[in-house]
Amino acid sequence: MSLDSSGSVANAEKQELSRDAKSSLTKLAAWINDRNVPFLVTSLGMIVMLLWAGSYKLTAPGAEGIVPLISNSPLIWWHFKLFGPYVGSDIIGLTEFTAAILIIAGYFRPKAGILGGLITTLMFFITSTMVITTPGAIIAVQGIKYMRYMSFVGLFLFKDVISLGVSFYLISYFGRKAILAENRS
């Protein structure tokens, strides 16, 4: 593998990928890779989701909506007992805001993005476990024996498993950027 003029392995890999693509399908994949489309879509999607969900948790319906999820969680059941549902929900919402701001800051300061990714990793690990612990998340369907399916609540929670993967991706992406910046200094 060769290095580009700035010594960046990542840029050299991108150039090699574009140069080596031969079919229309692989050229499309290289074009998407060269423009950082996966990072842009996942990071912007995560930012919007965190800001939107965080702001909703600052409302009474948002706080009331997560009571059954938090109350049945073996990891954070104590949260609402300690803070109450409204203050507890505000803390969760503000944590989501903080993570979104850190991810935005990561565009300019990658270590901030790593911190945002670590916060979301912890958040989404906790909420991913709620698929198993929330009553009614996994249900039996009438007329089909031995099969269990996710209800609307289960599917709502399952998106957090995907968000957990996105969080790890963002840590990895910002980590690569931070390492390159450290090595340039």
N, C-alpha and C. Protein backbone atom coordinates (compact mmCIF):
# COMPACT_ATOMS: atom_id res chain seq x y z
N MET A 1 0.86 -1.18 0.00
CA MET A 1 0.00 0.00 0.00
C MET A 1 0.89 1.23 0.00
N SER A 2 0.60 2.19 -0.86
CA SER A 2 1.39 3.41 -0.93
C SER A 2 0.71 4.52 -0.15
N LEU A 3 1.51 5.52 0.22
CA LEU A 3 0.97 6.68 0.91
C LEU A 3 0.79 7.81 -0.08
N ASP A 4 -0.22 8.64 0.14
CA ASP A 4 -0.38 9.82 -0.71
C ASP A 4 0.58 10.90 -0.25
N SER A 5 0.55 12.08 -0.89
CA SER A 5 1.52 13.14 -0.59
C SER A 5 1.45 13.62 0.85
N SER A 6 0.29 13.50 1.50
CA SER A 6 0.18 13.93 2.90
C SER A 6 0.55 12.81 3.86
N GLY A 7 0.86 11.61 3.32
CA GLY A 7 1.22 10.49 4.16
C GLY A 7 0.03 9.76 4.74
N SER A 8 -1.15 10.02 4.26
CA SER A 8 -2.36 9.44 4.82
C SER A 8 -2.65 8.09 4.19
N VAL A 9 -2.65 7.06 5.01
CA VAL A 9 -2.98 5.72 4.53
C VAL A 9 -4.42 5.68 4.06
N ALA A 10 -5.34 6.32 4.80
CA ALA A 10 -6.76 6.30 4.44
C ALA A 10 -6.98 6.90 3.06
N ASN A 11 -6.35 8.03 2.77
CA ASN A 11 -6.50 8.64 1.44
C ASN A 11 -5.87 7.77 0.37
N ALA A 12 -4.74 7.15 0.67
CA ALA A 12 -4.10 6.26 -0.29
C ALA A 12 -4.99 5.07 -0.60
N GLU A 13 -5.63 4.51 0.44
CA GLU A 13 -6.55 3.39 0.23
C GLU A 13 -7.71 3.81 -0.67
N LYS A 14 -8.24 5.01 -0.44
CA LYS A 14 -9.35 5.51 -1.26
C LYS A 14 -8.93 5.64 -2.71
N GLN A 15 -7.77 6.21 -2.93
CA GLN A 15 -7.30 6.39 -4.31
C GLN A 15 -7.11 5.05 -4.99
N GLU A 16 -6.53 4.07 -4.25
CA GLU A 16 -6.34 2.74 -4.82
C GLU A 16 -7.69 2.10 -5.13
N LEU A 17 -8.65 2.27 -4.26
CA LEU A 17 -9.98 1.69 -4.46
C LEU A 17 -10.61 2.25 -5.73
N SER A 18 -10.57 3.56 -5.91
CA SER A 18 -11.14 4.18 -7.11
C SER A 18 -10.41 3.74 -8.36
N ARG A 19 -9.10 3.68 -8.26
CA ARG A 19 -8.29 3.30 -9.42
C ARG A 19 -8.51 1.84 -9.81
N ASP A 20 -8.74 0.98 -8.83
CA ASP A 20 -8.87 -0.45 -9.10
C ASP A 20 -10.28 -0.87 -9.50
N ALA A 21 -11.27 0.00 -9.32
CA ALA A 21 -12.65 -0.36 -9.66
C ALA A 21 -12.79 -0.49 -11.17
N LYS A 22 -13.40 -1.60 -11.59
CA LYS A 22 -13.53 -1.85 -13.02
C LYS A 22 -14.98 -1.90 -13.50
N SER A 23 -15.82 -2.59 -12.78
CA SER A 23 -17.21 -2.71 -13.21
C SER A 23 -18.01 -1.49 -12.75
N SER A 24 -19.18 -1.33 -13.33
CA SER A 24 -20.05 -0.22 -12.92
C SER A 24 -20.41 -0.32 -11.44
N LEU A 25 -20.63 -1.54 -10.99
CA LEU A 25 -21.01 -1.75 -9.60
C LEU A 25 -19.89 -1.35 -8.65
N THR A 26 -18.66 -1.77 -8.94
CA THR A 26 -17.55 -1.43 -8.06
C THR A 26 -17.16 0.05 -8.19
N LYS A 27 -17.37 0.64 -9.36
CA LYS A 27 -17.12 2.08 -9.52
C LYS A 27 -18.11 2.88 -8.67
N LEU A 28 -19.36 2.43 -8.63
CA LEU A 28 -20.36 3.08 -7.78
C LEU A 28 -19.95 2.97 -6.31
N ALA A 29 -19.53 1.78 -5.91
CA ALA A 29 -19.10 1.58 -4.52
C ALA A 29 -17.90 2.47 -4.20
N ALA A 30 -16.95 2.59 -5.12
CA ALA A 30 -15.78 3.45 -4.90
C ALA A 30 -16.20 4.92 -4.82
N TRP A 31 -17.13 5.34 -5.66
CA TRP A 31 -17.62 6.72 -5.64
C TRP A 31 -18.23 7.04 -4.27
N ILE A 32 -19.05 6.12 -3.75
CA ILE A 32 -19.68 6.29 -2.44
C ILE A 32 -18.60 6.36 -1.36
N ASN A 33 -17.62 5.48 -1.44
CA ASN A 33 -16.53 5.46 -0.47
C ASN A 33 -15.70 6.75 -0.53
N ASP A 34 -15.35 7.19 -1.73
CA ASP A 34 -14.51 8.38 -1.92
C ASP A 34 -15.15 9.63 -1.33
N ARG A 35 -16.45 9.69 -1.31
CA ARG A 35 -17.15 10.88 -0.82
C ARG A 35 -17.63 10.75 0.62
N ASN A 36 -17.19 9.71 1.30
CA ASN A 36 -17.54 9.49 2.72
C ASN A 36 -19.04 9.43 2.96
N VAL A 37 -19.79 8.94 2.00
CA VAL A 37 -21.25 8.88 2.13
C VAL A 37 -21.68 8.08 3.36
N PRO A 38 -21.06 6.93 3.64
CA PRO A 38 -21.49 6.19 4.85
C PRO A 38 -21.33 7.01 6.13
N PHE A 39 -20.21 7.70 6.26
CA PHE A 39 -20.00 8.53 7.45
C PHE A 39 -21.00 9.68 7.50
N LEU A 40 -21.18 10.36 6.39
CA LEU A 40 -22.09 11.51 6.38
C LEU A 40 -23.52 11.11 6.72
N VAL A 41 -24.01 10.03 6.12
CA VAL A 41 -25.39 9.59 6.38
C VAL A 41 -25.54 9.13 7.82
N THR A 42 -24.61 8.30 8.30
CA THR A 42 -24.76 7.78 9.66
C THR A 42 -24.56 8.87 10.70
N SER A 43 -23.57 9.74 10.51
CA SER A 43 -23.34 10.78 11.54
C SER A 43 -24.47 11.81 11.54
N LEU A 44 -24.90 12.25 10.38
CA LEU A 44 -26.00 13.22 10.34
C LEU A 44 -27.30 12.59 10.84
N GLY A 45 -27.55 11.34 10.47
CA GLY A 45 -28.73 10.64 10.97
C GLY A 45 -28.71 10.50 12.48
N MET A 46 -27.55 10.18 13.03
CA MET A 46 -27.42 10.05 14.49
C MET A 46 -27.63 11.40 15.16
N ILE A 47 -27.06 12.46 14.60
CA ILE A 47 -27.22 13.79 15.17
C ILE A 47 -28.70 14.20 15.19
N VAL A 48 -29.38 14.04 14.07
CA VAL A 48 -30.80 14.41 13.99
C VAL A 48 -31.62 13.59 14.97
N MET A 49 -31.37 12.27 15.01
CA MET A 49 -32.13 11.41 15.91
C MET A 49 -31.90 11.81 17.36
N LEU A 50 -30.66 12.08 17.74
CA LEU A 50 -30.36 12.46 19.13
C LEU A 50 -31.00 13.78 19.50
N LEU A 51 -30.94 14.75 18.61
CA LEU A 51 -31.54 16.06 18.91
C LEU A 51 -33.06 15.96 18.99
N TRP A 52 -33.63 15.21 18.08
CA TRP A 52 -35.09 15.06 18.05
C TRP A 52 -35.58 14.27 19.26
N ALA A 53 -34.96 13.12 19.51
CA ALA A 53 -35.37 12.29 20.65
C ALA A 53 -35.08 13.01 21.96
N GLY A 54 -33.95 13.69 22.04
CA GLY A 54 -33.60 14.42 23.24
C GLY A 54 -34.60 15.52 23.56
N SER A 55 -35.02 16.25 22.52
CA SER A 55 -35.99 17.32 22.75
C SER A 55 -37.35 16.75 23.16
N TYR A 56 -37.73 15.60 22.60
CA TYR A 56 -39.00 14.98 22.97
C TYR A 56 -38.99 14.54 24.43
N LYS A 57 -37.83 14.05 24.89
CA LYS A 57 -37.75 13.60 26.28
C LYS A 57 -37.85 14.75 27.26
N LEU A 58 -37.72 15.98 26.80
CA LEU A 58 -37.87 17.15 27.66
C LEU A 58 -39.33 17.57 27.81
N THR A 59 -40.24 16.82 27.18
CA THR A 59 -41.67 17.11 27.28
C THR A 59 -42.34 16.09 28.21
N ALA A 60 -43.51 16.44 28.72
CA ALA A 60 -44.26 15.51 29.59
C ALA A 60 -44.62 14.22 28.85
N PRO A 61 -45.17 14.27 27.60
CA PRO A 61 -45.47 13.01 26.92
C PRO A 61 -44.22 12.16 26.67
N GLY A 62 -43.10 12.81 26.40
CA GLY A 62 -41.86 12.07 26.20
C GLY A 62 -41.41 11.35 27.46
N ALA A 63 -41.51 12.05 28.58
CA ALA A 63 -41.13 11.45 29.87
C ALA A 63 -42.07 10.29 30.21
N GLU A 64 -43.36 10.52 30.03
CA GLU A 64 -44.34 9.48 30.36
C GLU A 64 -44.20 8.26 29.44
N GLY A 65 -43.79 8.50 28.21
CA GLY A 65 -43.66 7.42 27.24
C GLY A 65 -42.54 6.45 27.54
N ILE A 66 -41.49 6.92 28.22
CA ILE A 66 -40.37 6.02 28.50
C ILE A 66 -40.43 5.37 29.89
N VAL A 67 -41.43 5.73 30.68
CA VAL A 67 -41.56 5.14 32.02
C VAL A 67 -41.58 3.61 31.97
N PRO A 68 -42.41 2.97 31.11
CA PRO A 68 -42.41 1.50 31.12
C PRO A 68 -41.08 0.90 30.67
N LEU A 69 -40.36 1.60 29.81
CA LEU A 69 -39.07 1.08 29.33
C LEU A 69 -38.03 1.14 30.45
N ILE A 70 -37.93 2.30 31.08
CA ILE A 70 -36.95 2.49 32.16
C ILE A 70 -37.30 1.62 33.37
N SER A 71 -38.57 1.57 33.72
CA SER A 71 -39.01 0.82 34.91
C SER A 71 -38.70 -0.66 34.82
N ASN A 72 -38.67 -1.21 33.62
CA ASN A 72 -38.42 -2.64 33.44
C ASN A 72 -36.98 -2.96 33.07
N SER A 73 -36.13 -1.97 33.03
CA SER A 73 -34.73 -2.19 32.67
C SER A 73 -33.92 -2.65 33.88
N PRO A 74 -33.22 -3.77 33.76
CA PRO A 74 -32.39 -4.21 34.88
C PRO A 74 -31.17 -3.31 35.08
N LEU A 75 -30.85 -2.48 34.09
CA LEU A 75 -29.66 -1.65 34.19
C LEU A 75 -29.93 -0.24 34.73
N ILE A 76 -31.11 0.31 34.43
CA ILE A 76 -31.36 1.69 34.89
C ILE A 76 -32.73 1.86 35.55
N TRP A 77 -33.32 0.80 36.08
CA TRP A 77 -34.62 0.89 36.76
C TRP A 77 -34.59 1.91 37.88
N TRP A 78 -33.41 2.08 38.49
CA TRP A 78 -33.23 2.99 39.62
C TRP A 78 -33.29 4.47 39.22
N HIS A 79 -33.08 4.75 37.94
CA HIS A 79 -32.97 6.13 37.45
C HIS A 79 -34.21 6.97 37.79
N PHE A 80 -35.40 6.44 37.49
CA PHE A 80 -36.62 7.19 37.78
C PHE A 80 -36.96 7.16 39.27
N LYS A 81 -36.54 6.13 39.97
CA LYS A 81 -36.76 6.09 41.42
C LYS A 81 -35.95 7.20 42.09
N LEU A 82 -34.75 7.45 41.58
CA LEU A 82 -33.87 8.46 42.15
C LEU A 82 -34.28 9.88 41.74
N PHE A 83 -34.59 10.07 40.45
CA PHE A 83 -34.85 11.42 39.93
C PHE A 83 -36.31 11.72 39.65
N GLY A 84 -37.16 10.70 39.59
CA GLY A 84 -38.54 10.89 39.16
C GLY A 84 -38.59 10.87 37.64
N PRO A 85 -39.77 10.64 37.06
CA PRO A 85 -39.83 10.48 35.60
C PRO A 85 -39.53 11.76 34.83
N TYR A 86 -39.89 12.92 35.35
CA TYR A 86 -39.71 14.14 34.57
C TYR A 86 -38.26 14.62 34.59
N VAL A 87 -37.65 14.69 35.76
CA VAL A 87 -36.25 15.08 35.85
C VAL A 87 -35.38 13.99 35.22
N GLY A 88 -35.72 12.73 35.48
CA GLY A 88 -34.98 11.62 34.88
C GLY A 88 -35.00 11.66 33.37
N SER A 89 -36.16 11.95 32.80
CA SER A 89 -36.27 12.06 31.35
C SER A 89 -35.49 13.27 30.83
N ASP A 90 -35.53 14.37 31.58
CA ASP A 90 -34.74 15.55 31.20
C ASP A 90 -33.25 15.22 31.16
N ILE A 91 -32.77 14.46 32.14
CA ILE A 91 -31.35 14.07 32.16
C ILE A 91 -31.01 13.23 30.93
N ILE A 92 -31.88 12.30 30.59
CA ILE A 92 -31.65 11.48 29.39
C ILE A 92 -31.65 12.35 28.15
N GLY A 93 -32.62 13.26 28.04
CA GLY A 93 -32.69 14.15 26.88
C GLY A 93 -31.46 15.03 26.77
N LEU A 94 -30.99 15.58 27.89
CA LEU A 94 -29.80 16.42 27.86
C LEU A 94 -28.54 15.62 27.53
N THR A 95 -28.51 14.36 27.94
CA THR A 95 -27.40 13.48 27.57
C THR A 95 -27.39 13.26 26.06
N GLU A 96 -28.58 13.08 25.48
CA GLU A 96 -28.67 12.92 24.02
C GLU A 96 -28.22 14.19 23.31
N PHE A 97 -28.60 15.36 23.82
CA PHE A 97 -28.14 16.63 23.25
C PHE A 97 -26.62 16.72 23.31
N THR A 98 -26.06 16.39 24.47
CA THR A 98 -24.61 16.46 24.65
C THR A 98 -23.89 15.56 23.66
N ALA A 99 -24.38 14.34 23.49
CA ALA A 99 -23.76 13.41 22.54
C ALA A 99 -23.83 13.97 21.12
N ALA A 100 -24.97 14.54 20.74
CA ALA A 100 -25.12 15.13 19.40
C ALA A 100 -24.14 16.27 19.19
N ILE A 101 -24.00 17.14 20.18
CA ILE A 101 -23.07 18.27 20.07
C ILE A 101 -21.63 17.77 19.96
N LEU A 102 -21.28 16.75 20.72
CA LEU A 102 -19.93 16.19 20.64
C LEU A 102 -19.67 15.55 19.28
N ILE A 103 -20.67 14.89 18.71
CA ILE A 103 -20.49 14.31 17.37
C ILE A 103 -20.31 15.43 16.34
N ILE A 104 -21.08 16.50 16.45
CA ILE A 104 -20.90 17.65 15.55
C ILE A 104 -19.49 18.22 15.72
N ALA A 105 -19.06 18.39 16.97
CA ALA A 105 -17.72 18.91 17.24
C ALA A 105 -16.65 17.98 16.68
N GLY A 106 -16.96 16.68 16.62
CA GLY A 106 -16.03 15.70 16.08
C GLY A 106 -15.64 15.95 14.63
N TYR A 107 -16.47 16.65 13.89
CA TYR A 107 -16.12 17.00 12.51
C TYR A 107 -14.87 17.88 12.50
N PHE A 108 -14.66 18.65 13.56
CA PHE A 108 -13.53 19.58 13.65
C PHE A 108 -12.47 19.11 14.64
N ARG A 109 -12.91 18.44 15.69
CA ARG A 109 -12.05 17.91 16.72
C ARG A 109 -12.43 16.44 16.93
N PRO A 110 -11.75 15.53 16.25
CA PRO A 110 -12.16 14.11 16.28
C PRO A 110 -12.28 13.50 17.68
N LYS A 111 -11.48 13.94 18.63
CA LYS A 111 -11.58 13.37 19.98
C LYS A 111 -12.93 13.68 20.61
N ALA A 112 -13.52 14.82 20.27
CA ALA A 112 -14.88 15.14 20.75
C ALA A 112 -15.88 14.14 20.16
N GLY A 113 -15.70 13.79 18.89
CA GLY A 113 -16.56 12.79 18.26
C GLY A 113 -16.43 11.43 18.91
N ILE A 114 -15.20 11.08 19.34
CA ILE A 114 -15.01 9.82 20.06
C ILE A 114 -15.82 9.84 21.35
N LEU A 115 -15.78 10.94 22.09
CA LEU A 115 -16.56 11.05 23.33
C LEU A 115 -18.06 10.93 23.05
N GLY A 116 -18.54 11.61 22.00
CA GLY A 116 -19.95 11.49 21.63
C GLY A 116 -20.32 10.05 21.31
N GLY A 117 -19.44 9.36 20.59
CA GLY A 117 -19.67 7.95 20.26
C GLY A 117 -19.67 7.06 21.49
N LEU A 118 -18.81 7.36 22.45
CA LEU A 118 -18.78 6.57 23.69
C LEU A 118 -20.07 6.76 24.48
N ILE A 119 -20.57 8.00 24.54
CA ILE A 119 -21.83 8.26 25.23
C ILE A 119 -22.97 7.49 24.56
N THR A 120 -23.05 7.56 23.23
CA THR A 120 -24.14 6.86 22.55
C THR A 120 -23.99 5.34 22.64
N THR A 121 -22.76 4.86 22.69
CA THR A 121 -22.55 3.41 22.86
C THR A 121 -23.15 2.94 24.18
N LEU A 122 -22.87 3.67 25.24
CA LEU A 122 -23.44 3.30 26.54
C LEU A 122 -24.96 3.41 26.52
N MET A 123 -25.47 4.52 25.98
CA MET A 123 -26.93 4.71 25.91
C MET A 123 -27.60 3.58 25.13
N PHE A 124 -27.08 3.29 23.95
CA PHE A 124 -27.75 2.30 23.10
C PHE A 124 -27.51 0.87 23.56
N PHE A 125 -26.42 0.63 24.30
CA PHE A 125 -26.27 -0.70 24.90
C PHE A 125 -27.39 -0.91 25.92
N ILE A 126 -27.58 0.11 26.77
CA ILE A 126 -28.62 0.00 27.80
C ILE A 126 -30.00 -0.17 27.16
N THR A 127 -30.33 0.67 26.17
CA THR A 127 -31.67 0.58 25.58
C THR A 127 -31.84 -0.67 24.73
N SER A 128 -30.75 -1.22 24.20
CA SER A 128 -30.86 -2.47 23.43
C SER A 128 -31.29 -3.62 24.33
N THR A 129 -30.88 -3.59 25.58
CA THR A 129 -31.29 -4.67 26.50
C THR A 129 -32.78 -4.62 26.81
N MET A 130 -33.40 -3.47 26.58
CA MET A 130 -34.82 -3.32 26.89
C MET A 130 -35.71 -4.13 25.94
N VAL A 131 -35.16 -4.54 24.79
CA VAL A 131 -35.93 -5.41 23.89
C VAL A 131 -36.31 -6.69 24.63
N ILE A 132 -35.42 -7.15 25.46
CA ILE A 132 -35.63 -8.40 26.19
C ILE A 132 -36.46 -8.18 27.45
N THR A 133 -36.29 -7.02 28.11
CA THR A 133 -36.88 -6.83 29.44
C THR A 133 -38.21 -6.10 29.46
N THR A 134 -38.58 -5.45 28.37
CA THR A 134 -39.84 -4.69 28.36
C THR A 134 -41.01 -5.62 28.05
N PRO A 135 -41.99 -5.70 28.95
CA PRO A 135 -43.15 -6.54 28.69
C PRO A 135 -43.85 -6.11 27.40
N GLY A 136 -44.20 -7.08 26.58
CA GLY A 136 -44.91 -6.81 25.33
C GLY A 136 -44.01 -6.48 24.15
N ALA A 137 -42.69 -6.42 24.35
CA ALA A 137 -41.79 -6.13 23.24
C ALA A 137 -41.71 -7.32 22.28
N ILE A 138 -41.77 -8.51 22.84
CA ILE A 138 -41.77 -9.74 22.03
C ILE A 138 -43.07 -10.47 22.36
N ILE A 139 -43.83 -10.76 21.32
CA ILE A 139 -45.17 -11.31 21.51
C ILE A 139 -45.39 -12.57 20.69
N ALA A 140 -46.35 -13.36 21.11
CA ALA A 140 -46.80 -14.50 20.32
C ALA A 140 -47.90 -13.99 19.39
N VAL A 141 -47.96 -14.55 18.19
CA VAL A 141 -48.98 -14.14 17.22
C VAL A 141 -50.04 -15.23 17.16
N GLN A 142 -51.29 -14.83 17.26
CA GLN A 142 -52.43 -15.75 17.23
C GLN A 142 -52.36 -16.65 16.00
N GLY A 143 -52.50 -17.94 16.20
CA GLY A 143 -52.57 -18.88 15.09
C GLY A 143 -51.22 -19.42 14.64
N ILE A 144 -50.12 -18.89 15.15
CA ILE A 144 -48.80 -19.39 14.77
C ILE A 144 -48.13 -19.91 16.04
N LYS A 145 -47.98 -21.23 16.11
CA LYS A 145 -47.41 -21.84 17.30
C LYS A 145 -45.89 -21.72 17.28
N TYR A 146 -45.33 -21.60 18.45
CA TYR A 146 -43.90 -21.63 18.69
C TYR A 146 -43.12 -20.45 18.08
N MET A 147 -43.78 -19.47 17.54
CA MET A 147 -43.08 -18.32 16.98
C MET A 147 -43.36 -17.09 17.83
N ARG A 148 -42.34 -16.29 18.02
CA ARG A 148 -42.47 -15.04 18.74
C ARG A 148 -42.02 -13.94 17.79
N TYR A 149 -42.66 -12.81 17.87
CA TYR A 149 -42.37 -11.68 17.00
C TYR A 149 -42.19 -10.42 17.83
N MET A 150 -41.57 -9.43 17.24
CA MET A 150 -41.45 -8.15 17.92
C MET A 150 -42.71 -7.34 17.68
N SER A 151 -43.21 -6.78 18.74
CA SER A 151 -44.35 -5.87 18.63
C SER A 151 -43.82 -4.52 18.16
N PHE A 152 -44.71 -3.54 18.06
CA PHE A 152 -44.30 -2.19 17.70
C PHE A 152 -43.26 -1.68 18.70
N VAL A 153 -43.47 -1.94 19.99
CA VAL A 153 -42.52 -1.51 21.02
C VAL A 153 -41.19 -2.21 20.81
N GLY A 154 -41.23 -3.50 20.51
CA GLY A 154 -40.00 -4.25 20.26
C GLY A 154 -39.23 -3.71 19.07
N LEU A 155 -39.95 -3.41 17.99
CA LEU A 155 -39.29 -2.84 16.81
C LEU A 155 -38.74 -1.45 17.10
N PHE A 156 -39.50 -0.66 17.87
CA PHE A 156 -39.03 0.66 18.28
C PHE A 156 -37.71 0.54 19.04
N LEU A 157 -37.63 -0.41 19.94
CA LEU A 157 -36.41 -0.60 20.73
C LEU A 157 -35.28 -1.20 19.89
N PHE A 158 -35.62 -2.04 18.92
CA PHE A 158 -34.59 -2.73 18.14
C PHE A 158 -33.75 -1.77 17.33
N LYS A 159 -34.30 -0.61 16.99
CA LYS A 159 -33.50 0.38 16.25
C LYS A 159 -32.26 0.78 17.06
N ASP A 160 -32.34 0.61 18.37
CA ASP A 160 -31.19 0.95 19.21
C ASP A 160 -30.05 -0.05 19.06
N VAL A 161 -30.34 -1.27 18.65
CA VAL A 161 -29.28 -2.23 18.34
C VAL A 161 -28.49 -1.72 17.13
N ILE A 162 -29.20 -1.22 16.13
CA ILE A 162 -28.55 -0.66 14.94
C ILE A 162 -27.79 0.62 15.32
N SER A 163 -28.40 1.45 16.17
CA SER A 163 -27.74 2.66 16.63
C SER A 163 -26.47 2.35 17.44
N LEU A 164 -26.47 1.23 18.14
CA LEU A 164 -25.28 0.79 18.86
C LEU A 164 -24.15 0.53 17.86
N GLY A 165 -24.48 -0.14 16.75
CA GLY A 165 -23.48 -0.37 15.70
C GLY A 165 -22.98 0.93 15.10
N VAL A 166 -23.87 1.88 14.88
CA VAL A 166 -23.49 3.19 14.35
C VAL A 166 -22.55 3.89 15.34
N SER A 167 -22.84 3.76 16.63
CA SER A 167 -21.99 4.38 17.65
C SER A 167 -20.56 3.83 17.57
N PHE A 168 -20.43 2.51 17.45
CA PHE A 168 -19.10 1.92 17.30
C PHE A 168 -18.42 2.41 16.02
N TYR A 169 -19.18 2.53 14.93
CA TYR A 169 -18.63 3.03 13.68
C TYR A 169 -18.11 4.45 13.86
N LEU A 170 -18.87 5.31 14.55
CA LEU A 170 -18.45 6.70 14.75
C LEU A 170 -17.19 6.78 15.61
N ILE A 171 -17.10 5.94 16.65
CA ILE A 171 -15.87 5.90 17.46
C ILE A 171 -14.70 5.53 16.57
N SER A 172 -14.89 4.52 15.73
CA SER A 172 -13.82 4.06 14.84
C SER A 172 -13.43 5.16 13.86
N TYR A 173 -14.40 5.81 13.24
CA TYR A 173 -14.13 6.84 12.25
C TYR A 173 -13.39 8.02 12.89
N PHE A 174 -13.95 8.55 14.00
CA PHE A 174 -13.30 9.68 14.67
C PHE A 174 -11.95 9.26 15.25
N GLY A 175 -11.85 8.03 15.69
CA GLY A 175 -10.57 7.52 16.22
C GLY A 175 -9.49 7.53 15.15
N ARG A 176 -9.83 7.07 13.94
CA ARG A 176 -8.87 7.12 12.82
C ARG A 176 -8.43 8.55 12.56
N LYS A 177 -9.39 9.46 12.54
CA LYS A 177 -9.08 10.88 12.30
C LYS A 177 -8.17 11.43 13.41
N ALA A 178 -8.46 11.09 14.66
CA ALA A 178 -7.66 11.58 15.78
C ALA A 178 -6.24 11.01 15.73
N ILE A 179 -6.11 9.74 15.38
CA ILE A 179 -4.78 9.12 15.27
C ILE A 179 -3.98 9.81 14.17
N LEU A 180 -4.59 10.05 13.02
CA LEU A 180 -3.89 10.75 11.93
C LEU A 180 -3.46 12.15 12.37
N ALA A 181 -4.33 12.86 13.09
CA ALA A 181 -3.99 14.20 13.58
C ALA A 181 -2.85 14.15 14.59
N GLU A 182 -2.88 13.16 15.49
CA GLU A 182 -1.78 13.02 16.46
C GLU A 182 -0.45 12.74 15.77
N ASN A 183 -0.49 11.93 14.72
CA ASN A 183 0.74 11.56 14.01
C ASN A 183 1.28 12.70 13.16
N ARG A 184 0.43 13.63 12.77
CA ARG A 184 0.89 14.79 12.00
C ARG A 184 1.58 15.81 12.90
N SER A 185 1.22 15.79 14.18
CA SER A 185 1.77 16.79 15.13
C SER A 185 3.19 16.47 15.52
